[in-house]
N, C-alpha and C. Protein backbone atom coordinates (compact mmCIF):
# COMPACT_ATOMS: atom_id res chain seq x y z
N MET A 1 44.09 -13.90 22.84
CA MET A 1 42.95 -13.08 22.50
C MET A 1 42.97 -12.82 20.99
N GLU A 2 41.84 -13.04 20.36
CA GLU A 2 41.73 -12.84 18.92
C GLU A 2 41.34 -11.40 18.56
N ARG A 3 40.47 -10.81 19.39
CA ARG A 3 39.98 -9.48 19.06
C ARG A 3 39.55 -8.76 20.33
N TYR A 4 39.78 -7.46 20.37
CA TYR A 4 39.33 -6.62 21.48
C TYR A 4 38.74 -5.36 20.87
N VAL A 5 37.49 -5.08 21.21
CA VAL A 5 36.75 -3.99 20.57
C VAL A 5 36.10 -3.11 21.63
N HIS A 6 36.14 -1.80 21.41
CA HIS A 6 35.33 -0.84 22.17
C HIS A 6 34.24 -0.33 21.24
N ARG A 7 33.09 -0.13 21.78
CA ARG A 7 32.01 0.51 21.03
C ARG A 7 31.51 1.68 21.87
N ASP A 8 31.60 2.86 21.31
CA ASP A 8 31.13 4.07 21.99
C ASP A 8 29.77 4.43 21.45
N PRO A 9 28.77 4.68 22.33
CA PRO A 9 27.44 4.99 21.83
C PRO A 9 27.44 6.28 21.00
N LEU A 10 26.62 6.30 19.98
CA LEU A 10 26.50 7.49 19.16
C LEU A 10 25.86 8.61 19.99
N GLU A 11 26.35 9.81 19.82
CA GLU A 11 25.71 10.96 20.46
C GLU A 11 24.43 11.28 19.71
N ASP A 12 23.37 11.58 20.46
CA ASP A 12 22.09 11.98 19.88
C ASP A 12 21.65 11.04 18.76
N PRO A 13 21.34 9.77 19.09
CA PRO A 13 20.98 8.81 18.03
C PRO A 13 19.52 8.95 17.57
N TRP A 14 19.13 10.15 17.16
CA TRP A 14 17.74 10.42 16.80
C TRP A 14 17.27 9.59 15.60
N GLU A 15 18.20 9.13 14.74
CA GLU A 15 17.80 8.34 13.56
C GLU A 15 17.51 6.89 13.91
N PHE A 16 17.70 6.51 15.17
CA PHE A 16 17.56 5.11 15.57
C PHE A 16 16.53 4.99 16.70
N PRO A 17 15.25 5.26 16.41
CA PRO A 17 14.24 5.17 17.47
C PRO A 17 14.19 3.76 18.05
N GLY A 18 14.11 3.71 19.36
CA GLY A 18 14.08 2.42 20.04
C GLY A 18 15.42 1.98 20.56
N ALA A 19 16.50 2.61 20.10
CA ALA A 19 17.84 2.25 20.61
C ALA A 19 18.02 2.84 22.00
N SER A 20 18.67 2.09 22.87
CA SER A 20 18.91 2.54 24.24
C SER A 20 20.00 3.59 24.30
N THR A 21 19.82 4.55 25.20
CA THR A 21 20.87 5.53 25.48
C THR A 21 21.33 5.40 26.94
N ALA A 22 21.01 4.27 27.56
CA ALA A 22 21.29 4.09 28.98
C ALA A 22 22.68 3.53 29.28
N TYR A 23 23.47 3.24 28.25
CA TYR A 23 24.78 2.62 28.47
C TYR A 23 25.87 3.48 27.85
N ASP A 24 27.04 3.50 28.50
CA ASP A 24 28.11 4.40 28.04
C ASP A 24 29.11 3.71 27.12
N GLY A 25 28.91 2.45 26.81
CA GLY A 25 29.81 1.78 25.90
C GLY A 25 29.63 0.28 25.95
N LEU A 26 30.35 -0.37 25.05
CA LEU A 26 30.29 -1.82 24.94
C LEU A 26 31.72 -2.30 24.73
N GLY A 27 32.14 -3.28 25.49
CA GLY A 27 33.45 -3.89 25.32
C GLY A 27 33.28 -5.32 24.85
N GLU A 28 34.22 -5.78 24.07
CA GLU A 28 34.11 -7.13 23.49
C GLU A 28 35.48 -7.78 23.46
N ILE A 29 35.55 -9.01 23.98
CA ILE A 29 36.76 -9.82 23.91
C ILE A 29 36.39 -11.07 23.12
N THR A 30 37.19 -11.40 22.11
CA THR A 30 36.97 -12.61 21.33
C THR A 30 38.19 -13.52 21.47
N ALA A 31 37.94 -14.80 21.69
CA ALA A 31 39.00 -15.79 21.82
C ALA A 31 38.82 -16.86 20.75
N ALA A 32 39.85 -17.65 20.55
CA ALA A 32 39.81 -18.70 19.52
C ALA A 32 38.79 -19.78 19.86
N ASP A 33 38.64 -20.08 21.15
CA ASP A 33 37.69 -21.09 21.58
C ASP A 33 37.32 -20.83 23.03
N GLU A 34 36.40 -21.63 23.55
CA GLU A 34 35.89 -21.41 24.91
C GLU A 34 36.98 -21.57 25.96
N ALA A 35 37.89 -22.54 25.76
CA ALA A 35 38.98 -22.75 26.71
C ALA A 35 39.91 -21.53 26.76
N ALA A 36 40.20 -20.96 25.59
CA ALA A 36 41.06 -19.76 25.56
C ALA A 36 40.38 -18.59 26.24
N LEU A 37 39.09 -18.43 26.05
CA LEU A 37 38.37 -17.35 26.73
C LEU A 37 38.41 -17.57 28.24
N GLY A 38 38.26 -18.82 28.66
CA GLY A 38 38.36 -19.13 30.09
C GLY A 38 39.72 -18.77 30.66
N ARG A 39 40.79 -19.03 29.89
CA ARG A 39 42.13 -18.67 30.35
C ARG A 39 42.29 -17.15 30.48
N ILE A 40 41.73 -16.42 29.52
CA ILE A 40 41.81 -14.95 29.58
C ILE A 40 41.09 -14.44 30.83
N LEU A 41 39.91 -14.97 31.09
CA LEU A 41 39.09 -14.48 32.20
C LEU A 41 39.62 -14.91 33.56
N SER A 42 40.47 -15.95 33.59
CA SER A 42 40.98 -16.42 34.88
C SER A 42 42.44 -16.03 35.13
N SER A 43 43.10 -15.45 34.14
CA SER A 43 44.50 -15.08 34.30
C SER A 43 44.64 -13.61 34.69
N PRO A 44 45.21 -13.33 35.86
CA PRO A 44 45.40 -11.92 36.25
C PRO A 44 46.28 -11.16 35.25
N ASP A 45 47.28 -11.85 34.68
CA ASP A 45 48.16 -11.17 33.72
C ASP A 45 47.43 -10.78 32.45
N MET A 46 46.47 -11.60 32.03
CA MET A 46 45.75 -11.31 30.79
C MET A 46 44.55 -10.40 31.05
N LEU A 47 43.78 -10.70 32.11
CA LEU A 47 42.57 -9.93 32.36
C LEU A 47 42.88 -8.57 32.98
N GLY A 48 43.98 -8.47 33.71
CA GLY A 48 44.32 -7.21 34.40
C GLY A 48 44.34 -6.00 33.48
N PRO A 49 45.13 -6.03 32.39
CA PRO A 49 45.16 -4.87 31.49
C PRO A 49 43.80 -4.59 30.84
N ILE A 50 43.03 -5.64 30.55
CA ILE A 50 41.70 -5.45 29.96
C ILE A 50 40.78 -4.79 30.98
N ARG A 51 40.82 -5.28 32.23
CA ARG A 51 39.99 -4.69 33.29
C ARG A 51 40.39 -3.23 33.54
N ASP A 52 41.70 -2.96 33.56
CA ASP A 52 42.17 -1.59 33.77
C ASP A 52 41.68 -0.67 32.65
N ASP A 53 41.77 -1.15 31.41
CA ASP A 53 41.30 -0.37 30.28
C ASP A 53 39.80 -0.11 30.40
N GLY A 54 39.05 -1.15 30.77
CA GLY A 54 37.61 -1.01 30.94
C GLY A 54 37.25 -0.03 32.04
N THR A 55 38.03 -0.04 33.12
CA THR A 55 37.78 0.89 34.23
C THR A 55 37.96 2.34 33.77
N GLN A 56 38.92 2.58 32.91
CA GLN A 56 39.15 3.93 32.40
C GLN A 56 38.11 4.31 31.34
N THR A 57 37.54 3.33 30.69
CA THR A 57 36.66 3.59 29.54
C THR A 57 35.18 3.59 29.91
N PHE A 58 34.76 2.68 30.78
CA PHE A 58 33.34 2.49 31.07
C PHE A 58 33.01 2.86 32.51
N ALA A 59 31.85 3.47 32.72
CA ALA A 59 31.44 3.87 34.07
C ALA A 59 31.06 2.64 34.91
N ARG A 60 30.50 1.63 34.28
CA ARG A 60 30.08 0.39 34.95
C ARG A 60 29.05 0.62 36.06
N THR A 61 28.23 1.65 35.91
CA THR A 61 27.15 1.86 36.88
C THR A 61 25.96 0.97 36.55
N ARG A 62 25.86 0.57 35.31
CA ARG A 62 24.79 -0.31 34.85
C ARG A 62 25.42 -1.21 33.81
N THR A 63 25.35 -2.53 33.98
CA THR A 63 26.05 -3.41 33.03
C THR A 63 25.15 -4.53 32.52
N LEU A 64 25.48 -4.96 31.32
CA LEU A 64 24.92 -6.15 30.69
C LEU A 64 26.11 -6.97 30.26
N ASN A 65 26.01 -8.27 30.29
CA ASN A 65 27.08 -9.07 29.71
C ASN A 65 26.56 -10.45 29.34
N THR A 66 27.25 -11.04 28.40
CA THR A 66 26.93 -12.39 27.98
C THR A 66 28.15 -12.99 27.30
N ILE A 67 28.24 -14.30 27.30
CA ILE A 67 29.28 -15.00 26.56
C ILE A 67 28.58 -15.81 25.48
N VAL A 68 28.97 -15.56 24.22
CA VAL A 68 28.29 -16.17 23.08
C VAL A 68 29.29 -16.87 22.17
N GLU A 69 28.77 -17.77 21.37
CA GLU A 69 29.53 -18.40 20.29
C GLU A 69 29.22 -17.62 19.02
N GLU A 70 30.20 -16.89 18.50
CA GLU A 70 29.96 -16.01 17.36
C GLU A 70 29.61 -16.81 16.12
N ARG A 71 28.51 -16.42 15.46
CA ARG A 71 28.05 -17.09 14.25
C ARG A 71 27.76 -16.07 13.16
N PRO A 72 28.73 -15.82 12.29
CA PRO A 72 28.50 -14.85 11.22
C PRO A 72 27.45 -15.34 10.23
N LEU A 73 26.51 -14.48 9.92
CA LEU A 73 25.52 -14.75 8.89
C LEU A 73 25.98 -14.14 7.58
N ARG A 74 26.63 -12.98 7.66
CA ARG A 74 27.20 -12.31 6.49
C ARG A 74 28.49 -11.64 6.93
N THR A 75 29.54 -11.80 6.11
CA THR A 75 30.81 -11.14 6.36
C THR A 75 31.35 -10.65 5.04
N THR A 76 31.85 -9.42 5.02
CA THR A 76 32.47 -8.88 3.81
C THR A 76 33.90 -8.49 4.13
N PRO A 77 34.74 -8.30 3.13
CA PRO A 77 36.15 -7.96 3.37
C PRO A 77 36.34 -6.70 4.19
N VAL A 78 35.38 -5.75 4.15
CA VAL A 78 35.55 -4.51 4.91
C VAL A 78 34.94 -4.59 6.31
N CYS A 79 34.53 -5.78 6.71
CA CYS A 79 33.83 -5.93 7.98
C CYS A 79 34.62 -5.38 9.16
N SER A 80 35.91 -5.71 9.25
CA SER A 80 36.68 -5.27 10.42
C SER A 80 36.87 -3.77 10.45
N ALA A 81 36.68 -3.11 9.31
CA ALA A 81 36.85 -1.66 9.25
C ALA A 81 35.53 -0.92 9.43
N SER A 82 34.45 -1.66 9.63
CA SER A 82 33.15 -1.01 9.76
C SER A 82 33.15 -0.05 10.93
N ALA A 83 32.45 1.05 10.77
CA ALA A 83 32.52 2.13 11.74
C ALA A 83 31.34 2.19 12.70
N VAL A 84 30.19 1.67 12.33
CA VAL A 84 29.00 1.79 13.19
C VAL A 84 28.35 0.42 13.33
N SER A 85 27.95 0.10 14.56
CA SER A 85 27.25 -1.16 14.78
C SER A 85 25.89 -0.92 15.41
N ILE A 86 24.94 -1.72 14.99
CA ILE A 86 23.65 -1.83 15.67
C ILE A 86 23.67 -3.21 16.30
N SER A 87 23.53 -3.26 17.61
CA SER A 87 23.61 -4.55 18.28
C SER A 87 22.47 -4.69 19.27
N ALA A 88 22.19 -5.94 19.65
CA ALA A 88 21.10 -6.19 20.57
C ALA A 88 21.43 -7.36 21.48
N PHE A 89 21.14 -7.16 22.75
CA PHE A 89 21.10 -8.25 23.70
C PHE A 89 19.68 -8.79 23.61
N VAL A 90 19.55 -10.03 23.17
CA VAL A 90 18.25 -10.60 22.84
C VAL A 90 17.77 -11.52 23.96
N ALA A 91 16.67 -11.14 24.56
CA ALA A 91 16.04 -11.99 25.57
C ALA A 91 15.06 -12.90 24.86
N GLY A 92 14.87 -14.06 25.41
CA GLY A 92 13.91 -14.96 24.78
C GLY A 92 13.59 -16.12 25.68
N ASP A 93 12.43 -16.70 25.46
CA ASP A 93 12.00 -17.84 26.25
C ASP A 93 12.50 -19.15 25.68
N LEU A 94 13.11 -19.08 24.49
CA LEU A 94 13.61 -20.29 23.85
C LEU A 94 15.03 -20.60 24.30
N GLU A 95 15.44 -21.83 24.17
CA GLU A 95 16.83 -22.24 24.39
C GLU A 95 17.70 -21.47 23.39
N PRO A 96 18.91 -21.03 23.79
CA PRO A 96 19.72 -20.16 22.93
C PRO A 96 19.91 -20.62 21.49
N LEU A 97 20.14 -21.92 21.27
CA LEU A 97 20.35 -22.37 19.89
C LEU A 97 19.08 -22.25 19.07
N ALA A 98 17.93 -22.57 19.66
CA ALA A 98 16.66 -22.44 18.94
C ALA A 98 16.37 -20.98 18.66
N LEU A 99 16.63 -20.11 19.64
CA LEU A 99 16.43 -18.67 19.45
C LEU A 99 17.33 -18.16 18.33
N THR A 100 18.59 -18.59 18.32
CA THR A 100 19.54 -18.16 17.30
C THR A 100 19.11 -18.63 15.91
N ASP A 101 18.63 -19.87 15.82
CA ASP A 101 18.15 -20.38 14.53
C ASP A 101 16.99 -19.54 14.00
N ARG A 102 16.07 -19.17 14.88
CA ARG A 102 14.93 -18.35 14.47
C ARG A 102 15.39 -16.96 14.03
N LEU A 103 16.30 -16.35 14.80
CA LEU A 103 16.81 -15.03 14.44
C LEU A 103 17.57 -15.07 13.13
N THR A 104 18.35 -16.11 12.93
CA THR A 104 19.11 -16.24 11.69
C THR A 104 18.17 -16.33 10.49
N ARG A 105 17.16 -17.17 10.58
CA ARG A 105 16.21 -17.33 9.47
C ARG A 105 15.48 -16.02 9.19
N ARG A 106 15.07 -15.32 10.24
CA ARG A 106 14.36 -14.06 10.04
C ARG A 106 15.26 -13.02 9.39
N HIS A 107 16.55 -13.00 9.76
CA HIS A 107 17.46 -12.04 9.16
C HIS A 107 17.80 -12.42 7.71
N GLU A 108 17.84 -13.70 7.42
CA GLU A 108 18.02 -14.10 6.02
C GLU A 108 16.85 -13.60 5.17
N LEU A 109 15.63 -13.73 5.70
CA LEU A 109 14.45 -13.25 4.98
C LEU A 109 14.46 -11.74 4.85
N LEU A 110 14.87 -11.03 5.92
CA LEU A 110 14.92 -9.58 5.87
C LEU A 110 15.94 -9.10 4.83
N LEU A 111 17.08 -9.78 4.74
CA LEU A 111 18.07 -9.41 3.74
C LEU A 111 17.52 -9.61 2.33
N GLU A 112 16.74 -10.66 2.13
CA GLU A 112 16.16 -10.91 0.82
C GLU A 112 15.12 -9.85 0.46
N ARG A 113 14.35 -9.40 1.46
CA ARG A 113 13.23 -8.50 1.19
C ARG A 113 13.58 -7.01 1.25
N LEU A 114 14.57 -6.66 2.05
CA LEU A 114 14.86 -5.24 2.29
C LEU A 114 16.12 -4.83 1.55
N GLU A 115 15.94 -4.21 0.40
CA GLU A 115 17.09 -3.84 -0.43
C GLU A 115 18.09 -2.93 0.30
N PRO A 116 17.64 -1.89 1.05
CA PRO A 116 18.62 -1.05 1.75
C PRO A 116 19.43 -1.84 2.78
N LEU A 117 18.78 -2.74 3.49
CA LEU A 117 19.50 -3.54 4.49
C LEU A 117 20.54 -4.42 3.80
N ASP A 118 20.12 -5.07 2.72
CA ASP A 118 21.02 -5.96 2.00
C ASP A 118 22.21 -5.20 1.42
N ALA A 119 21.96 -4.02 0.85
CA ALA A 119 23.02 -3.27 0.19
C ALA A 119 23.97 -2.60 1.17
N LEU A 120 23.48 -2.20 2.33
CA LEU A 120 24.28 -1.38 3.24
C LEU A 120 24.95 -2.15 4.37
N THR A 121 24.43 -3.33 4.72
CA THR A 121 24.98 -4.08 5.84
C THR A 121 26.24 -4.82 5.42
N ARG A 122 27.32 -4.63 6.16
CA ARG A 122 28.58 -5.29 5.84
C ARG A 122 28.71 -6.64 6.54
N CYS A 123 28.27 -6.71 7.78
CA CYS A 123 28.38 -7.96 8.54
C CYS A 123 27.15 -8.13 9.41
N ILE A 124 26.73 -9.36 9.58
CA ILE A 124 25.68 -9.70 10.54
C ILE A 124 26.13 -10.93 11.29
N THR A 125 26.03 -10.88 12.61
CA THR A 125 26.24 -12.08 13.41
C THR A 125 25.02 -12.28 14.30
N VAL A 126 24.62 -13.52 14.43
CA VAL A 126 23.53 -13.92 15.32
C VAL A 126 24.11 -15.03 16.19
N SER A 127 24.46 -14.70 17.43
CA SER A 127 25.29 -15.58 18.25
C SER A 127 24.56 -16.06 19.50
N PRO A 128 24.47 -17.39 19.69
CA PRO A 128 23.79 -17.92 20.88
C PRO A 128 24.66 -17.80 22.13
N ALA A 129 24.00 -17.63 23.27
CA ALA A 129 24.71 -17.65 24.55
C ALA A 129 25.25 -19.05 24.78
N LEU A 130 26.45 -19.14 25.37
CA LEU A 130 27.01 -20.45 25.68
C LEU A 130 26.32 -21.09 26.87
N ASP A 131 25.78 -20.28 27.77
CA ASP A 131 25.07 -20.78 28.94
C ASP A 131 23.57 -20.80 28.64
N PRO A 132 22.95 -21.99 28.59
CA PRO A 132 21.52 -22.06 28.27
C PRO A 132 20.64 -21.31 29.28
N ALA A 133 21.16 -21.07 30.49
CA ALA A 133 20.38 -20.37 31.51
C ALA A 133 20.66 -18.87 31.53
N ALA A 134 21.46 -18.38 30.59
CA ALA A 134 21.81 -16.95 30.58
C ALA A 134 20.58 -16.09 30.36
N ARG A 135 20.60 -14.90 30.95
CA ARG A 135 19.48 -13.97 30.79
C ARG A 135 19.31 -13.57 29.32
N TRP A 136 20.43 -13.37 28.62
CA TRP A 136 20.40 -12.99 27.21
C TRP A 136 20.66 -14.24 26.38
N GLY A 137 19.65 -14.70 25.66
CA GLY A 137 19.77 -15.93 24.90
C GLY A 137 20.64 -15.83 23.67
N ALA A 138 20.78 -14.59 23.16
CA ALA A 138 21.59 -14.40 21.95
C ALA A 138 22.05 -12.95 21.88
N TYR A 139 23.05 -12.75 21.04
CA TYR A 139 23.56 -11.41 20.77
C TYR A 139 23.53 -11.20 19.26
N LEU A 140 22.91 -10.11 18.84
CA LEU A 140 22.74 -9.80 17.43
C LEU A 140 23.58 -8.57 17.11
N GLU A 141 24.26 -8.59 15.95
CA GLU A 141 25.08 -7.43 15.58
C GLU A 141 25.04 -7.23 14.07
N LEU A 142 24.83 -5.98 13.66
CA LEU A 142 24.92 -5.57 12.26
C LEU A 142 25.97 -4.48 12.18
N LEU A 143 26.87 -4.56 11.21
CA LEU A 143 27.93 -3.57 11.05
C LEU A 143 27.77 -2.82 9.73
N PHE A 144 28.09 -1.51 9.79
CA PHE A 144 27.93 -0.62 8.64
C PHE A 144 29.18 0.23 8.48
N ASP A 145 29.37 0.75 7.28
CA ASP A 145 30.54 1.58 7.01
C ASP A 145 30.53 2.88 7.79
N ASP A 146 29.34 3.46 8.00
CA ASP A 146 29.26 4.74 8.69
C ASP A 146 27.85 4.96 9.22
N ARG A 147 27.67 6.07 9.91
CA ARG A 147 26.39 6.39 10.53
C ARG A 147 25.28 6.55 9.48
N ASP A 148 25.58 7.19 8.36
CA ASP A 148 24.57 7.38 7.32
C ASP A 148 24.06 6.04 6.79
N ALA A 149 24.98 5.12 6.53
CA ALA A 149 24.58 3.80 6.03
C ALA A 149 23.74 3.07 7.07
N ALA A 150 24.14 3.14 8.34
CA ALA A 150 23.37 2.48 9.40
C ALA A 150 21.98 3.08 9.52
N ALA A 151 21.88 4.42 9.44
CA ALA A 151 20.58 5.08 9.56
C ALA A 151 19.66 4.73 8.39
N LYS A 152 20.20 4.70 7.17
CA LYS A 152 19.39 4.35 5.99
C LYS A 152 18.87 2.92 6.10
N ALA A 153 19.72 2.00 6.52
CA ALA A 153 19.29 0.61 6.68
C ALA A 153 18.26 0.49 7.80
N TYR A 154 18.48 1.21 8.89
CA TYR A 154 17.61 1.12 10.07
C TYR A 154 16.19 1.59 9.76
N GLN A 155 16.04 2.53 8.84
CA GLN A 155 14.71 3.05 8.49
C GLN A 155 13.79 1.94 7.99
N THR A 156 14.34 0.96 7.28
CA THR A 156 13.52 -0.15 6.82
C THR A 156 13.63 -1.36 7.76
N TYR A 157 14.82 -1.51 8.38
CA TYR A 157 15.08 -2.69 9.22
C TYR A 157 14.24 -2.70 10.48
N ALA A 158 14.21 -1.59 11.22
CA ALA A 158 13.52 -1.58 12.51
C ALA A 158 12.03 -1.91 12.39
N PRO A 159 11.28 -1.25 11.50
CA PRO A 159 9.86 -1.61 11.39
C PRO A 159 9.66 -3.05 10.92
N ALA A 160 10.49 -3.52 9.99
CA ALA A 160 10.34 -4.90 9.50
C ALA A 160 10.66 -5.90 10.59
N LEU A 161 11.66 -5.59 11.42
CA LEU A 161 12.03 -6.50 12.50
C LEU A 161 10.92 -6.57 13.55
N VAL A 162 10.31 -5.43 13.86
CA VAL A 162 9.20 -5.43 14.81
C VAL A 162 8.05 -6.28 14.28
N ARG A 163 7.75 -6.14 12.98
CA ARG A 163 6.68 -6.96 12.39
C ARG A 163 7.04 -8.45 12.41
N ALA A 164 8.29 -8.78 12.13
CA ALA A 164 8.71 -10.18 12.03
C ALA A 164 8.90 -10.83 13.40
N SER A 165 9.31 -10.05 14.40
CA SER A 165 9.67 -10.64 15.69
C SER A 165 9.22 -9.78 16.87
N PRO A 166 7.92 -9.45 16.95
CA PRO A 166 7.49 -8.58 18.05
C PRO A 166 7.70 -9.21 19.41
N ASP A 167 7.70 -10.54 19.48
CA ASP A 167 7.85 -11.24 20.75
C ASP A 167 9.18 -10.95 21.41
N TRP A 168 10.29 -10.95 20.66
CA TRP A 168 11.58 -10.73 21.33
C TRP A 168 12.11 -9.32 21.18
N VAL A 169 11.62 -8.55 20.20
CA VAL A 169 12.06 -7.16 20.07
C VAL A 169 11.71 -6.38 21.34
N SER A 170 10.52 -6.61 21.87
CA SER A 170 10.08 -5.87 23.05
C SER A 170 10.88 -6.22 24.30
N LYS A 171 11.56 -7.37 24.31
CA LYS A 171 12.34 -7.80 25.47
C LYS A 171 13.84 -7.60 25.29
N SER A 172 14.25 -7.01 24.18
CA SER A 172 15.67 -6.88 23.86
C SER A 172 16.15 -5.45 24.08
N ILE A 173 17.46 -5.30 24.23
CA ILE A 173 18.07 -3.98 24.37
C ILE A 173 18.93 -3.73 23.14
N PHE A 174 18.61 -2.68 22.40
CA PHE A 174 19.33 -2.31 21.18
C PHE A 174 20.28 -1.16 21.47
N LEU A 175 21.48 -1.24 20.94
CA LEU A 175 22.50 -0.21 21.11
C LEU A 175 23.05 0.16 19.73
N VAL A 176 23.36 1.44 19.54
CA VAL A 176 23.99 1.90 18.30
C VAL A 176 25.29 2.58 18.71
N SER A 177 26.39 2.13 18.12
CA SER A 177 27.69 2.63 18.59
C SER A 177 28.73 2.69 17.49
N ASP A 178 29.74 3.55 17.73
CA ASP A 178 30.94 3.55 16.90
C ASP A 178 31.76 2.33 17.27
N HIS A 179 32.31 1.69 16.28
CA HIS A 179 33.00 0.40 16.42
C HIS A 179 34.50 0.65 16.30
N HIS A 180 35.26 0.42 17.38
CA HIS A 180 36.71 0.66 17.38
C HIS A 180 37.43 -0.65 17.68
N VAL A 181 38.08 -1.23 16.69
CA VAL A 181 38.85 -2.46 16.89
C VAL A 181 40.21 -2.06 17.44
N LEU A 182 40.51 -2.43 18.68
CA LEU A 182 41.79 -2.10 19.30
C LEU A 182 42.83 -3.17 19.05
N HIS A 183 42.37 -4.39 18.83
CA HIS A 183 43.27 -5.51 18.54
C HIS A 183 42.50 -6.51 17.70
N GLN A 184 43.09 -7.00 16.64
CA GLN A 184 42.43 -8.02 15.83
C GLN A 184 43.45 -9.01 15.28
N LYS A 185 43.20 -10.28 15.60
CA LYS A 185 44.01 -11.35 15.05
C LYS A 185 43.12 -12.28 14.24
N GLY A 186 41.97 -12.64 14.80
CA GLY A 186 41.04 -13.55 14.13
C GLY A 186 39.68 -12.90 14.00
N ASP A 187 38.73 -13.65 13.43
CA ASP A 187 37.42 -13.07 13.15
C ASP A 187 36.25 -13.70 13.89
N SER A 188 36.41 -14.87 14.49
CA SER A 188 35.26 -15.46 15.15
C SER A 188 35.70 -16.35 16.28
N GLY A 189 34.74 -16.70 17.11
CA GLY A 189 34.99 -17.54 18.27
C GLY A 189 34.09 -17.09 19.39
N PRO A 190 34.28 -17.64 20.60
CA PRO A 190 33.47 -17.20 21.74
C PRO A 190 33.76 -15.74 22.06
N ARG A 191 32.72 -15.00 22.39
CA ARG A 191 32.89 -13.59 22.72
C ARG A 191 32.29 -13.27 24.08
N LEU A 192 33.01 -12.53 24.87
CA LEU A 192 32.46 -11.94 26.09
C LEU A 192 32.09 -10.52 25.73
N ILE A 193 30.82 -10.17 25.86
CA ILE A 193 30.34 -8.85 25.48
C ILE A 193 29.74 -8.19 26.70
């Protein structure tokens, strides 16, 4: 396992209109490659402690999940220390790679046009689902140093994103959470979220 992360939803996320409050957390496992992720998910010795931790951490009354190939669009040296994430499970009618290419291009344009987003965002990943038939075609994540930075960026990001991508914004689930890295060895690879 390369990385294991918990994300706890922000309490009273009034600065992030449109973000869901229906989920009690987000767990993330990152492996070096798809085969390693498969070994983690099929090994009782490896998955057992992760499942036990998740049982203690998450209610699991309502769940979303996807397995993606992580594709960083922007990474900075402080990325792993980032404290707040805005993430989205992205639904779309396109094949995951085509959807990811469109999202990547739109985010490149948003970074060029939106000075607060460009200045405040530490990391962006736009990751396609590994299964072309998956309900969630991609997973989008933006990381920030703290809640204030995330809120300032979101003030310009959310309206611009709705204008740029109304087709998939309305079908996606956005979450805002504190980002807690419990284990980190590497920075990218397939992720179970």
